[in-house]
Protein backbone atom coordinates (compact mmCIF):
# COMPACT_ATOMS: atom_id res chain seq x y z
CA MET A 1 19.89 39.26 -1.47
CA LEU A 2 19.78 35.47 -1.79
CA GLU A 3 18.49 36.13 -5.44
CA GLN A 4 21.80 37.39 -6.31
CA LEU A 5 23.58 34.39 -4.62
CA GLU A 6 21.27 31.97 -6.85
CA GLU A 7 22.87 33.21 -9.89
CA LYS A 8 26.39 32.50 -8.30
CA PHE A 9 25.30 29.27 -6.62
CA SER A 10 22.58 26.53 -6.84
CA LYS A 11 19.93 26.40 -4.43
CA TYR A 12 21.59 23.09 -2.87
CA GLU A 13 24.97 25.00 -2.57
CA ILE A 14 23.27 27.71 -0.78
CA ALA A 15 21.60 25.46 1.63
CA ARG A 16 24.64 23.47 2.27
CA ILE A 17 26.68 26.65 3.03
CA VAL A 18 24.07 28.43 5.23
CA GLY A 19 23.50 24.91 7.06
CA ALA A 20 27.43 24.49 7.62
CA ARG A 21 27.70 28.04 8.84
CA ALA A 22 24.55 28.02 10.92
CA LEU A 23 25.97 24.70 12.79
CA GLN A 24 29.32 26.46 13.47
CA ILE A 25 27.29 29.55 14.98
CA ALA A 26 25.41 27.44 17.10
CA MET A 27 28.51 25.94 18.16
CA ASP A 28 29.61 29.25 19.51
CA ALA A 29 31.99 30.07 16.66
CA PRO A 30 32.58 33.69 16.42
CA LEU A 31 30.22 35.73 14.18
CA LEU A 32 32.00 37.07 11.06
CA LEU A 33 29.72 39.98 10.68
CA LYS A 34 28.99 42.73 13.36
CA VAL A 35 25.30 42.65 14.04
CA PRO A 36 23.86 44.80 16.63
CA GLU A 37 22.41 43.53 19.94
CA LYS A 38 18.93 44.69 19.16
CA GLU A 39 18.81 42.83 15.63
CA LEU A 40 20.23 39.68 17.34
CA GLU A 41 17.06 39.84 19.69
CA GLU A 42 14.66 40.65 16.74
CA ILE A 43 15.86 37.43 15.05
CA ASN A 44 15.84 35.76 18.23
CA TYR A 45 19.74 34.73 17.94
CA ASN A 46 18.52 32.38 15.24
CA PRO A 47 21.75 30.78 13.76
CA ILE A 48 20.23 30.14 10.34
CA GLU A 49 19.28 33.76 9.94
CA LEU A 50 22.74 35.02 10.87
CA ALA A 51 24.30 32.71 8.33
CA LYS A 52 22.12 33.91 5.69
CA ARG A 53 23.17 37.34 6.57
CA GLU A 54 26.88 36.64 6.61
CA LEU A 55 26.51 34.79 3.15
CA SER A 56 24.73 37.71 1.58
CA ALA A 57 27.40 40.00 3.05
CA GLY A 58 30.01 38.21 1.55
CA VAL A 59 31.91 37.52 4.55
CA LEU A 60 32.02 33.68 4.52
CA PRO A 61 35.49 32.28 3.67
CA ILE A 62 33.78 29.20 1.94
CA THR A 63 34.47 28.32 -1.57
CA VAL A 64 32.44 25.54 -3.85
CA ASN A 65 34.25 23.13 -5.63
CA ARG A 66 32.29 21.83 -8.80
CA PRO A 67 34.03 18.94 -10.48
CA LEU A 68 33.85 19.07 -14.21
CA PRO A 69 33.75 15.95 -16.28
CA LYS A 70 36.86 14.45 -17.13
CA LYS A 71 38.38 14.94 -20.68
CA LYS A 72 39.12 11.74 -23.02
CA ASP A 73 42.06 11.49 -24.92
CA SER A 74 40.70 9.45 -27.76
CA LYS A 75 39.30 11.41 -30.64
CA ILE A 76 35.53 10.68 -31.86
CA LYS A 77 35.74 9.23 -35.25
CA LYS A 78 33.17 10.52 -37.57
CA LEU A 79 31.15 7.56 -39.48
CA THR A 80 30.67 7.90 -43.21
CA GLN A 81 27.19 7.42 -44.86
CA GLU A 82 28.19 3.88 -45.97
CA GLU A 83 29.04 3.01 -42.24
CA VAL A 84 25.91 4.55 -40.95
CA GLU A 85 23.93 2.49 -43.44
CA GLU A 86 25.63 -0.81 -42.30
CA LEU A 87 24.74 0.12 -38.86
CA ARG A 88 21.20 0.55 -39.55
CA LYS A 89 21.15 -2.57 -41.57
CA ARG A 90 22.45 -4.47 -38.49
CA GLU A 91 19.87 -2.95 -36.25
CA GLU A 92 16.92 -3.97 -38.43
CA ALA A 93 18.34 -7.54 -38.72
CA LYS A 94 18.50 -7.66 -34.98
CA LYS A 95 14.94 -6.57 -34.68
CA ILE A 96 13.62 -9.06 -37.34
CA GLU A 97 15.68 -11.81 -35.56
CA ALA A 98 13.89 -10.73 -32.14
CA GLU A 99 10.39 -10.77 -33.67
CA LYS A 100 11.07 -14.28 -35.11
CA LEU A 101 12.31 -15.61 -31.84
CA LYS A 102 9.06 -13.91 -30.25
CA LYS A 103 6.78 -15.67 -32.77
CA GLU A 104 8.46 -18.97 -32.09
CA ALA A 105 8.25 -18.73 -28.44
CA GLU A 106 4.36 -17.83 -28.94
CA LYS A 107 3.94 -20.82 -31.13
CA LYS A 108 5.68 -22.97 -28.61
CA ALA A 109 3.75 -21.91 -25.85
CA GLU A 110 0.47 -22.27 -27.69
CA LYS A 111 1.52 -25.91 -28.56
CA GLU A 112 2.24 -26.52 -24.86
CA ILE A 113 -1.00 -25.11 -23.96
CA LYS A 114 -3.06 -27.33 -26.37
CA GLU A 115 -1.00 -30.41 -24.72
CA VAL A 116 -1.84 -29.33 -21.43
CA LYS A 117 -5.70 -29.19 -22.25
CA VAL A 118 -5.47 -32.45 -24.23
CA GLU A 119 -3.86 -34.14 -21.21
CA ALA A 120 -6.53 -32.42 -18.84
CA GLU A 121 -9.29 -33.92 -21.23
CA GLU A 122 -7.90 -37.48 -20.99
CA VAL A 123 -7.50 -37.41 -17.27
CA LYS A 124 -11.03 -36.10 -17.03
CA GLU A 125 -12.30 -39.06 -19.28
CA LYS A 126 -10.38 -41.38 -17.43
CA ALA A 127 -11.82 -40.28 -14.08
CA GLU A 128 -15.21 -40.43 -15.39
CA THR A 129 -14.79 -43.99 -16.81
CA GLU A 130 -13.37 -45.15 -13.43
CA GLU A 131 -16.45 -43.50 -11.78
CA SER A 132 -18.72 -45.17 -14.10
CA GLU A 133 -16.89 -48.69 -13.59
CA ALA A 134 -17.12 -48.19 -9.78
CA VAL A 135 -20.93 -47.54 -9.95
CA GLU A 136 -21.36 -50.76 -12.14
CA VAL A 137 -19.32 -52.53 -9.55
CA GLU A 138 -21.58 -51.48 -6.64
CA LYS A 139 -24.73 -52.42 -8.80
CA GLU A 140 -23.16 -55.88 -9.56
CA GLY A 141 -22.14 -55.89 -5.74
CA GLU A 142 -25.67 -55.28 -4.70
CA GLU A 143 -27.11 -58.12 -6.85
CA ASP A 144 -24.57 -60.70 -5.55
CA GLU A 145 -25.25 -60.00 -1.70
CA ILE A 146 -26.90 -62.95 0.09
CA MET A 147 -28.64 -60.87 2.53
CA GLU A 148 -30.66 -57.81 1.80
CA LEU A 149 -30.45 -54.87 3.96
CA ALA A 150 -33.20 -54.36 6.35
CA THR A 151 -35.40 -51.48 6.06
CA PRO A 152 -37.70 -50.28 8.93
CA GLU A 153 -41.03 -51.39 6.94
CA ASP A 154 -39.57 -55.00 7.03
CA GLU A 155 -39.14 -55.01 10.77
CA VAL A 156 -42.62 -53.60 11.39
CA GLU A 157 -44.05 -56.65 9.16
CA GLU A 158 -42.04 -59.19 10.87
CA SER A 159 -42.77 -58.02 14.54
CA SER A 160 -46.68 -58.14 13.98
CA SER A 161 -46.36 -61.58 12.31
CA SER A 162 -44.29 -62.91 15.25
CA SER A 163 -46.82 -61.68 17.85
CA GLU A 164 -49.61 -63.31 15.91
CA ASP A 165 -47.59 -66.72 16.24
CA GLU A 166 -47.12 -66.44 20.10
CA GLY A 167 -50.45 -66.04 20.60
CA VAL A 168 -51.76 -68.93 18.97
């Protein structure tokens, strides 16, 4: 029975109608269809089933408003072949211009990448030269020191020679 209704209503409209009527029935609205007590017990007083039966019987006073698109008063002008060709040429010109802009942007990006790489190399070379200069300064500093750093071997030699001096 609901298949016959699907020709008249969409499945969404059927669902909306059945849901609205089931809610009314659940809120103790009077039944529009006479259903024997035995059938009510079989369907377990299900308001959705009762609403489906009422809809399929056609006793529901519910209408569906389907808004249609609004008409425009202006008329559509039919383009001539020349106007169509002109529009195509404009579109092609726009595409070509877009491609040019894209290529220019790519070239600019590549140029910026090269500049960044050159700057990075310069910074790296500068860091290496500073590091080598620092190492040279350390070596020069070691040569200029008045005192040399003591090593454990030096301490051993000094202590043995000082003990010999004391024993003499």
